[in-house]
Each structure stands twice: as structure tokens, then as C-alpha cells.
């Protein structure tokens, strides 16, 4: 990505879960940055996501970068 370039990432596969999960603001307040610097949250806050890895939903910066596409802006 070049400096100032704008990109777009589509999370359509996860959109249903994300939108429904964050409809409850209390769930949104549980978002945190993990040890890999990913924005994430635990599906079930009672389960330790370090032990049960599929309990954690994360938005990896690396994945966002790799799956992003440039946005072409015409003047």
C-alpha cells in the first residue's frame, strides 16, 4: 500500500455475526487489542480464548491488508 492510498476490505461472510453481536452495546464494550495487536473480542466472555482459540473473533490487520483492494478515486 502506498502512502495515502485508500483500500476497502469486505467482511461479508462475518457481517451477520458482527452486526448482530454488536447490536448489544455491552458486547461492543468487550472489544480489546490482543497480544498480536488485533482488534478482537470473545464470543463467550466466560471462556478463556487463550485456551479455546475458536472462542475469539479477531480482525487481523494483516488479513485486512492482504484482502483489501484499492479504491480508485476519479477527479
N, C-alpha and C. Protein backbone atom coordinates (compact mmCIF):
# COMPACT_ATOMS: atom_id res chain seq x y z
N UNK A 1 0.86 -1.17 0.00
CA UNK A 1 0.00 0.00 0.00
C UNK A 1 0.91 1.23 0.00
N UNK A 2 0.58 2.17 -0.85
CA UNK A 2 1.34 3.40 -0.94
C UNK A 2 0.78 4.42 0.05
N UNK A 3 1.62 5.34 0.45
CA UNK A 3 1.20 6.36 1.39
C UNK A 3 0.00 7.13 0.84
N UNK A 4 -1.03 7.25 1.62
CA UNK A 4 -2.23 7.97 1.21
C UNK A 4 -3.22 7.13 0.41
N UNK A 5 -2.83 5.90 0.05
CA UNK A 5 -3.74 5.04 -0.71
C UNK A 5 -4.90 4.60 0.18
N UNK A 6 -6.09 4.56 -0.38
CA UNK A 6 -7.26 4.11 0.36
C UNK A 6 -7.64 2.72 -0.15
N UNK A 7 -7.98 1.83 0.78
CA UNK A 7 -8.36 0.48 0.40
C UNK A 7 -9.66 0.11 1.09
N UNK A 8 -10.26 -0.98 0.63
CA UNK A 8 -11.53 -1.46 1.16
C UNK A 8 -11.41 -2.95 1.43
N UNK A 9 -11.94 -3.40 2.55
CA UNK A 9 -11.96 -4.82 2.89
C UNK A 9 -13.41 -5.22 3.10
N UNK A 10 -13.81 -6.33 2.51
CA UNK A 10 -15.18 -6.82 2.64
C UNK A 10 -15.21 -7.99 3.61
N UNK A 11 -15.97 -7.84 4.67
CA UNK A 11 -16.16 -8.92 5.64
C UNK A 11 -17.59 -9.45 5.54
N UNK A 12 -18.08 -9.63 4.33
CA UNK A 12 -19.47 -10.05 4.12
C UNK A 12 -19.77 -11.38 4.81
N UNK A 13 -18.82 -12.30 4.83
CA UNK A 13 -19.04 -13.61 5.46
C UNK A 13 -19.30 -13.46 6.96
N UNK A 14 -18.65 -12.49 7.58
CA UNK A 14 -18.79 -12.32 9.02
C UNK A 14 -19.75 -11.21 9.39
N UNK A 15 -20.28 -10.52 8.39
CA UNK A 15 -21.12 -9.35 8.65
C UNK A 15 -22.32 -9.69 9.52
N UNK A 16 -23.00 -10.80 9.25
CA UNK A 16 -24.19 -11.16 10.02
C UNK A 16 -23.84 -11.31 11.50
N UNK A 17 -22.77 -12.05 11.79
CA UNK A 17 -22.39 -12.25 13.18
C UNK A 17 -21.97 -10.93 13.83
N UNK A 18 -21.13 -10.18 13.15
CA UNK A 18 -20.61 -8.93 13.72
C UNK A 18 -21.74 -7.95 13.99
N UNK A 19 -22.62 -7.75 13.01
CA UNK A 19 -23.72 -6.80 13.19
C UNK A 19 -24.65 -7.22 14.31
N UNK A 20 -25.00 -8.49 14.38
CA UNK A 20 -25.89 -8.95 15.44
C UNK A 20 -25.21 -8.92 16.80
N UNK A 21 -23.96 -9.26 16.83
CA UNK A 21 -23.23 -9.28 18.10
C UNK A 21 -23.11 -7.88 18.69
N UNK A 22 -22.83 -6.90 17.84
CA UNK A 22 -22.63 -5.54 18.33
C UNK A 22 -23.91 -4.73 18.40
N UNK A 23 -25.04 -5.33 18.08
CA UNK A 23 -26.30 -4.64 18.30
C UNK A 23 -26.49 -4.39 19.79
N UNK A 24 -25.89 -5.25 20.61
CA UNK A 24 -25.90 -5.08 22.06
C UNK A 24 -24.61 -4.35 22.45
N UNK A 25 -24.74 -3.11 22.89
CA UNK A 25 -23.58 -2.27 23.18
C UNK A 25 -22.67 -2.89 24.25
N UNK A 26 -23.22 -3.68 25.15
CA UNK A 26 -22.39 -4.32 26.16
C UNK A 26 -21.37 -5.26 25.52
N UNK A 27 -21.73 -5.90 24.42
CA UNK A 27 -20.77 -6.74 23.70
C UNK A 27 -19.67 -5.89 23.08
N UNK A 28 -20.03 -4.75 22.53
CA UNK A 28 -19.06 -3.86 21.91
C UNK A 28 -18.03 -3.37 22.93
N UNK A 29 -18.45 -3.17 24.15
CA UNK A 29 -17.55 -2.68 25.19
C UNK A 29 -16.49 -3.72 25.58
N UNK A 30 -16.65 -4.97 25.16
CA UNK A 30 -15.69 -6.03 25.47
C UNK A 30 -14.57 -6.14 24.44
N UNK A 31 -14.58 -5.32 23.40
CA UNK A 31 -13.53 -5.37 22.38
C UNK A 31 -12.19 -5.01 23.01
N UNK A 32 -11.15 -5.71 22.59
CA UNK A 32 -9.81 -5.44 23.13
C UNK A 32 -8.76 -5.67 22.05
N UNK A 33 -7.55 -5.24 22.31
CA UNK A 33 -6.41 -5.48 21.43
C UNK A 33 -5.63 -6.65 22.05
N UNK A 34 -5.44 -7.71 21.26
CA UNK A 34 -4.74 -8.88 21.81
C UNK A 34 -3.23 -8.73 21.68
N UNK A 35 -2.50 -9.78 22.08
CA UNK A 35 -1.04 -9.71 22.08
C UNK A 35 -0.43 -9.66 20.68
N UNK A 36 -1.23 -9.90 19.64
CA UNK A 36 -0.77 -9.77 18.25
C UNK A 36 -1.23 -8.45 17.63
N UNK A 37 -1.76 -7.56 18.46
CA UNK A 37 -2.26 -6.25 18.03
C UNK A 37 -3.47 -6.32 17.11
N UNK A 38 -4.27 -7.36 17.27
CA UNK A 38 -5.52 -7.49 16.53
C UNK A 38 -6.68 -6.97 17.36
N UNK A 39 -7.63 -6.33 16.69
CA UNK A 39 -8.88 -5.95 17.35
C UNK A 39 -9.68 -7.23 17.49
N UNK A 40 -10.13 -7.56 18.69
CA UNK A 40 -10.84 -8.82 18.86
C UNK A 40 -11.81 -8.76 20.04
N UNK A 41 -12.58 -9.82 20.16
CA UNK A 41 -13.50 -9.99 21.28
C UNK A 41 -13.79 -11.46 21.43
N UNK A 42 -14.21 -11.84 22.62
CA UNK A 42 -14.56 -13.23 22.90
C UNK A 42 -16.05 -13.43 22.66
N UNK A 43 -16.38 -14.49 21.94
CA UNK A 43 -17.79 -14.80 21.69
C UNK A 43 -18.51 -15.01 23.03
N UNK A 44 -17.89 -15.79 23.87
CA UNK A 44 -18.43 -16.05 25.21
C UNK A 44 -17.40 -15.56 26.22
N UNK A 45 -17.69 -14.49 26.96
CA UNK A 45 -16.70 -13.95 27.89
C UNK A 45 -16.37 -14.87 29.06
N UNK A 46 -17.15 -15.92 29.25
CA UNK A 46 -16.90 -16.88 30.33
C UNK A 46 -15.83 -17.90 29.94
N UNK A 47 -15.46 -17.95 28.65
CA UNK A 47 -14.49 -18.94 28.16
C UNK A 47 -13.17 -18.23 27.87
N UNK A 48 -12.07 -18.82 28.30
CA UNK A 48 -10.74 -18.27 28.07
C UNK A 48 -10.32 -18.54 26.63
N UNK A 49 -10.22 -17.49 25.84
CA UNK A 49 -9.87 -17.64 24.42
C UNK A 49 -8.41 -18.02 24.21
N UNK A 50 -7.59 -17.89 25.22
CA UNK A 50 -6.21 -18.34 25.10
C UNK A 50 -6.16 -19.87 25.14
N UNK A 51 -7.15 -20.49 25.76
CA UNK A 51 -7.22 -21.95 25.85
C UNK A 51 -8.11 -22.52 24.74
N UNK A 52 -9.26 -21.91 24.53
CA UNK A 52 -10.21 -22.33 23.49
C UNK A 52 -10.14 -21.28 22.39
N UNK A 53 -9.25 -21.49 21.41
CA UNK A 53 -8.94 -20.45 20.42
C UNK A 53 -10.13 -20.04 19.56
N UNK A 54 -11.08 -20.94 19.28
CA UNK A 54 -12.20 -20.57 18.40
C UNK A 54 -13.29 -19.79 19.11
N UNK A 55 -13.04 -19.40 20.36
CA UNK A 55 -13.97 -18.52 21.06
C UNK A 55 -13.68 -17.05 20.72
N UNK A 56 -12.52 -16.79 20.12
CA UNK A 56 -12.11 -15.40 19.84
C UNK A 56 -12.38 -15.05 18.39
N UNK A 57 -12.98 -13.88 18.19
CA UNK A 57 -13.14 -13.31 16.86
C UNK A 57 -12.14 -12.18 16.76
N UNK A 58 -11.34 -12.17 15.68
CA UNK A 58 -10.37 -11.08 15.55
C UNK A 58 -10.41 -10.49 14.15
N UNK A 59 -10.06 -9.24 14.10
CA UNK A 59 -9.92 -8.51 12.84
C UNK A 59 -8.43 -8.24 12.66
N UNK A 60 -7.76 -9.16 12.05
CA UNK A 60 -6.31 -9.09 11.88
C UNK A 60 -5.93 -8.00 10.88
N UNK A 61 -5.02 -7.14 11.29
CA UNK A 61 -4.53 -6.10 10.38
C UNK A 61 -3.87 -6.69 9.14
N UNK A 62 -3.15 -7.81 9.30
CA UNK A 62 -2.50 -8.46 8.16
C UNK A 62 -3.53 -8.97 7.17
N UNK A 63 -4.59 -9.60 7.67
CA UNK A 63 -5.64 -10.11 6.78
C UNK A 63 -6.36 -8.95 6.10
N UNK A 64 -6.63 -7.90 6.85
CA UNK A 64 -7.28 -6.72 6.25
C UNK A 64 -6.43 -6.18 5.11
N UNK A 65 -5.12 -6.11 5.31
CA UNK A 65 -4.22 -5.60 4.28
C UNK A 65 -4.21 -6.53 3.06
N UNK A 66 -4.06 -7.83 3.29
CA UNK A 66 -3.95 -8.79 2.19
C UNK A 66 -5.25 -8.91 1.38
N UNK A 67 -6.39 -8.76 2.04
CA UNK A 67 -7.68 -8.90 1.35
C UNK A 67 -8.23 -7.58 0.85
N UNK A 68 -7.56 -6.50 1.12
CA UNK A 68 -8.07 -5.20 0.70
C UNK A 68 -7.81 -4.96 -0.78
N UNK A 69 -8.63 -4.11 -1.36
CA UNK A 69 -8.46 -3.71 -2.77
C UNK A 69 -8.42 -2.19 -2.82
N UNK A 70 -7.59 -1.65 -3.71
CA UNK A 70 -7.50 -0.20 -3.81
C UNK A 70 -8.83 0.42 -4.23
N UNK A 71 -9.11 1.57 -3.68
CA UNK A 71 -10.28 2.36 -4.09
C UNK A 71 -9.79 3.41 -5.08
N UNK A 72 -10.34 3.37 -6.26
CA UNK A 72 -9.94 4.32 -7.28
C UNK A 72 -10.86 5.54 -7.18
N UNK A 73 -10.24 6.69 -6.97
CA UNK A 73 -10.99 7.93 -6.86
C UNK A 73 -10.71 8.75 -8.11
N UNK A 74 -11.76 9.02 -8.86
CA UNK A 74 -11.58 9.84 -10.05
C UNK A 74 -11.94 11.28 -9.74
N UNK A 75 -11.21 12.18 -10.31
CA UNK A 75 -11.43 13.62 -10.03
C UNK A 75 -12.37 14.21 -11.02
